[in-house]
Amino acid sequence: MKKLLLYTAGIFLFLSSCADGQASKGDNFAVLPAPKAGEAVATFGGGCFWSMSEAMAELKGVDKVISGYAGGTTKNPTYREVCSDNTNHAETVQVYYDPKVISYDNLVEAFFSAHDPTTLNRQGPDEGTDYRSIAFYRNDAEKSTIETTIKKVNESKHYANPVVTQVVPFKVFYPAENYHQGYYRSHPDQPYILAVSEPKVIKFRKAMKAELKPGFAP
């Protein structure tokens, strides 16, 4: 298992990583919903899906966010299989949103604000191809939006290193186990959530404050 080592007042604290998340609860997978009338769907991967799903769910116009796996070759993968780095899948979120309320451009901006897109196969303490930054497009317009946003991020010099996000056509998304859905909110006192996920969500809220639903102001 991957571990995160923190130094706090000279004391070593070992905290579970995203890969340790209650895998013993079994493989009861979430059901993939169909989009409602007028809804669009977008799919992104940016490290552990616990914080990414929470960040996207806080945006105005987003109806639901499903955590799952995409970008690999194994059909119907389990969490353990994905964490083994043998499936080539990334931890991913599928976002169901109303394009009349939030544009795809803003959604892509939110995605790049919700994680560090410059660390190859890594997000914070989580390392492996399953934690890579990856954006899936469903048409040429979405591909152009992602590439344009990457160019803007690089030109802004917000990060010392260039963006390494993979930009690939969407093929299939497999929903993750039920216990991963809404994990951030249902486990607020979990050590990894407190140490890793919560700071990312707080940073996201500051960056995307104009796009947040009421009650999620930074």
Protein backbone atom coordinates (compact mmCIF):
# COMPACT_ATOMS: atom_id res chain seq x y z
CA MET A 1 0.00 0.00 0.00
CA LYS A 2 1.11 3.54 -0.68
CA LYS A 3 1.62 5.64 2.43
CA LEU A 4 1.80 9.32 3.10
CA LEU A 5 4.41 10.48 5.63
CA LEU A 6 3.63 13.74 7.38
CA TYR A 7 5.72 15.66 9.87
CA THR A 8 3.62 17.42 12.50
CA ALA A 9 5.37 18.93 15.55
CA GLY A 10 8.16 16.42 15.09
CA ILE A 11 5.80 13.41 15.18
CA PHE A 12 5.58 10.95 12.30
CA LEU A 13 1.99 10.32 11.22
CA PHE A 14 1.20 7.52 8.78
CA LEU A 15 -2.01 8.13 6.88
CA SER A 16 -3.75 5.84 4.43
CA SER A 17 -3.54 6.84 0.81
CA CYS A 18 -6.43 6.86 -1.62
CA ALA A 19 -5.42 3.31 -2.61
CA ASP A 20 -6.19 2.01 0.87
CA GLY A 21 -9.81 3.12 0.83
CA GLN A 22 -11.94 0.35 2.34
CA ALA A 23 -11.27 -2.13 -0.46
CA SER A 24 -12.46 -4.89 1.86
CA LYS A 25 -16.10 -3.85 1.47
CA GLY A 26 -16.53 -5.86 -1.70
CA ASP A 27 -17.23 -5.14 -5.33
CA ASN A 28 -20.75 -3.72 -5.28
CA PHE A 29 -20.53 -1.36 -8.22
CA ALA A 30 -22.48 1.85 -8.68
CA VAL A 31 -25.06 2.03 -11.45
CA LEU A 32 -24.17 4.31 -14.34
CA PRO A 33 -27.11 6.69 -14.84
CA ALA A 34 -28.34 7.88 -18.20
CA PRO A 35 -28.17 11.64 -18.78
CA LYS A 36 -31.39 13.56 -18.20
CA ALA A 37 -32.99 15.47 -21.04
CA GLY A 38 -30.76 18.41 -21.89
CA GLU A 39 -27.81 17.14 -19.86
CA ALA A 40 -24.30 16.70 -21.19
CA VAL A 41 -21.58 14.40 -19.86
CA ALA A 42 -17.85 15.01 -19.38
CA THR A 43 -15.13 12.67 -18.12
CA PHE A 44 -11.88 13.59 -16.38
CA GLY A 45 -9.15 11.95 -14.31
CA GLY A 46 -6.99 13.93 -11.92
CA GLY A 47 -5.67 11.75 -9.13
CA CYS A 48 -7.76 10.24 -6.37
CA PHE A 49 -11.40 10.55 -7.34
CA TRP A 50 -12.51 11.32 -3.77
CA SER A 51 -11.53 14.99 -4.01
CA MET A 52 -12.11 15.35 -7.76
CA SER A 53 -15.71 14.12 -7.48
CA GLU A 54 -16.41 16.50 -4.59
CA ALA A 55 -14.92 19.46 -6.43
CA MET A 56 -16.95 18.89 -9.57
CA ALA A 57 -20.14 18.23 -7.58
CA GLU A 58 -19.89 21.70 -6.00
CA LEU A 59 -20.19 23.49 -9.36
CA LYS A 60 -23.39 25.22 -10.41
CA GLY A 61 -25.10 23.27 -13.17
CA VAL A 62 -23.63 19.91 -12.17
CA ASP A 63 -26.36 17.41 -11.32
CA LYS A 64 -24.28 14.39 -10.32
CA VAL A 65 -20.73 13.05 -10.41
CA ILE A 66 -19.91 9.34 -10.62
CA SER A 67 -16.48 8.02 -9.61
CA GLY A 68 -15.07 5.29 -11.81
CA TYR A 69 -12.37 4.10 -14.16
CA ALA A 70 -11.48 4.96 -17.75
CA GLY A 71 -8.60 5.07 -20.18
CA GLY A 72 -7.52 1.45 -19.86
CA THR A 73 -8.17 -1.93 -21.43
CA THR A 74 -9.60 -4.15 -18.68
CA LYS A 75 -13.38 -4.54 -18.79
CA ASN A 76 -15.32 -3.92 -15.57
CA PRO A 77 -12.18 -3.44 -13.42
CA THR A 78 -12.22 -3.52 -9.64
CA TYR A 79 -10.53 -0.93 -7.44
CA ARG A 80 -7.83 -3.40 -6.47
CA GLU A 81 -7.13 -4.18 -10.13
CA VAL A 82 -6.88 -0.49 -11.06
CA CYS A 83 -4.57 0.23 -8.11
CA SER A 84 -2.30 -2.61 -9.23
CA ASP A 85 -1.37 -0.52 -12.31
CA ASN A 86 -2.11 -3.50 -14.56
CA THR A 87 -5.30 -2.20 -16.21
CA ASN A 88 -4.00 1.16 -17.51
CA HIS A 89 -7.22 2.73 -16.21
CA ALA A 90 -7.13 6.01 -14.33
CA GLU A 91 -9.30 6.96 -11.39
CA THR A 92 -11.87 9.09 -13.17
CA VAL A 93 -15.05 11.07 -12.62
CA GLN A 94 -18.00 11.32 -14.97
CA VAL A 95 -19.80 14.65 -14.67
CA TYR A 96 -23.46 15.13 -15.59
CA TYR A 97 -24.14 18.82 -16.15
CA ASP A 98 -26.51 21.35 -17.66
CA PRO A 99 -24.66 23.21 -20.46
CA LYS A 100 -27.17 26.06 -20.12
CA VAL A 101 -25.84 26.70 -16.60
CA ILE A 102 -22.16 25.82 -16.90
CA SER A 103 -20.24 25.65 -20.16
CA TYR A 104 -17.84 22.89 -21.12
CA ASP A 105 -15.11 25.53 -21.16
CA ASN A 106 -15.77 26.34 -17.50
CA LEU A 107 -15.93 22.67 -16.65
CA VAL A 108 -12.49 22.12 -18.17
CA GLU A 109 -11.17 25.13 -16.28
CA ALA A 110 -12.56 23.58 -13.09
CA PHE A 111 -10.87 20.28 -13.87
CA PHE A 112 -7.47 21.98 -14.16
CA SER A 113 -8.15 23.86 -10.92
CA ALA A 114 -9.01 20.67 -9.02
CA HIS A 115 -5.59 19.00 -9.33
CA ASP A 116 -1.97 19.54 -10.36
CA PRO A 117 -1.80 18.73 -14.09
CA THR A 118 2.00 18.94 -14.20
CA THR A 119 2.96 15.85 -12.17
CA LEU A 120 3.36 12.76 -14.33
CA ASN A 121 1.51 9.71 -12.98
CA ARG A 122 1.28 11.30 -9.57
CA GLN A 123 -0.94 13.47 -7.39
CA GLY A 124 0.50 14.32 -3.99
CA PRO A 125 1.18 11.08 -2.10
CA ASP A 126 -0.52 8.93 -4.75
CA GLU A 127 1.78 7.54 -7.41
CA GLY A 128 1.03 5.35 -10.42
CA THR A 129 -0.60 5.53 -13.84
CA ASP A 130 -4.02 5.22 -12.18
CA TYR A 131 -3.44 8.71 -10.75
CA ARG A 132 -2.43 10.36 -14.02
CA SER A 133 -4.00 13.53 -15.30
CA ILE A 134 -6.25 12.69 -18.23
CA ALA A 135 -9.05 14.49 -20.07
CA PHE A 136 -11.45 12.69 -22.39
CA TYR A 137 -13.15 14.41 -25.32
CA ARG A 138 -16.31 13.32 -27.13
CA ASN A 139 -15.97 15.56 -30.19
CA ASP A 140 -13.55 17.92 -31.91
CA ALA A 141 -14.91 20.98 -30.11
CA GLU A 142 -14.20 19.43 -26.71
CA LYS A 143 -10.71 18.41 -27.81
CA SER A 144 -10.02 21.98 -28.95
CA THR A 145 -11.28 23.36 -25.62
CA ILE A 146 -9.02 21.07 -23.61
CA GLU A 147 -5.97 21.87 -25.75
CA THR A 148 -6.68 25.60 -25.62
CA THR A 149 -7.00 25.47 -21.84
CA ILE A 150 -3.72 23.58 -21.53
CA LYS A 151 -2.04 26.27 -23.62
CA LYS A 152 -3.47 28.98 -21.35
CA VAL A 153 -2.33 27.16 -18.20
CA ASN A 154 1.18 26.78 -19.60
CA GLU A 155 1.35 30.41 -20.71
CA SER A 156 0.14 31.63 -17.32
CA LYS A 157 3.27 30.19 -15.64
CA HIS A 158 1.05 29.25 -12.69
CA TYR A 159 3.06 26.04 -12.47
CA ALA A 160 6.82 25.75 -12.72
CA ASN A 161 6.48 22.73 -15.02
CA PRO A 162 4.39 22.20 -18.16
CA VAL A 163 1.04 20.40 -18.18
CA VAL A 164 1.33 16.64 -18.78
CA THR A 165 -2.41 15.91 -19.04
CA GLN A 166 -3.29 13.23 -21.58
CA VAL A 167 -5.95 14.33 -24.07
CA VAL A 168 -7.69 11.25 -25.48
CA PRO A 169 -11.00 10.33 -27.14
CA PHE A 170 -13.63 8.95 -24.80
CA LYS A 171 -14.35 5.23 -25.20
CA VAL A 172 -15.89 3.73 -22.09
CA PHE A 173 -16.35 4.59 -18.42
CA TYR A 174 -16.78 1.95 -15.72
CA PRO A 175 -18.44 3.12 -12.47
CA ALA A 176 -16.48 2.36 -9.32
CA GLU A 177 -17.69 0.50 -6.28
CA ASN A 178 -20.56 2.05 -4.31
CA TYR A 179 -18.39 2.90 -1.31
CA HIS A 180 -16.34 5.32 -3.46
CA GLN A 181 -19.38 7.37 -4.44
CA GLY A 182 -19.57 10.56 -2.38
CA TYR A 183 -16.66 9.31 -0.27
CA TYR A 184 -15.47 12.82 0.60
CA ARG A 185 -18.73 13.79 2.27
CA SER A 186 -19.44 10.45 3.93
CA HIS A 187 -15.94 10.17 5.48
CA PRO A 188 -15.07 13.72 6.62
CA ASP A 189 -12.84 12.49 9.45
CA GLN A 190 -10.88 9.94 7.42
CA PRO A 191 -7.14 10.81 7.74
CA TYR A 192 -6.48 10.92 3.99
CA ILE A 193 -9.50 13.15 3.44
CA LEU A 194 -8.35 15.57 6.15
CA ALA A 195 -4.70 15.65 5.08
CA VAL A 196 -4.92 15.47 1.29
CA SER A 197 -8.43 15.80 -0.14
CA GLU A 198 -9.75 18.65 1.96
CA PRO A 199 -6.87 21.07 1.20
CA LYS A 200 -7.35 20.38 -2.52
CA VAL A 201 -11.08 21.09 -2.31
CA ILE A 202 -10.49 24.30 -0.34
CA LYS A 203 -7.99 25.46 -2.95
CA PHE A 204 -10.47 24.58 -5.68
CA ARG A 205 -13.22 26.63 -4.04
CA LYS A 206 -10.99 29.70 -4.01
CA ALA A 207 -10.10 29.27 -7.67
CA MET A 208 -13.68 28.60 -8.85
CA LYS A 209 -15.69 30.68 -6.35
CA ALA A 210 -17.78 32.34 -9.07
CA GLU A 211 -18.95 28.93 -10.33
CA LEU A 212 -19.85 27.32 -7.00
CA LYS A 213 -23.30 26.34 -5.80
CA PRO A 214 -24.64 28.26 -2.78
CA GLY A 215 -23.13 27.00 0.46
CA PHE A 216 -19.72 26.16 -0.95
CA ALA A 217 -18.13 29.59 -0.87
CA PRO A 218 -14.41 29.60 0.12
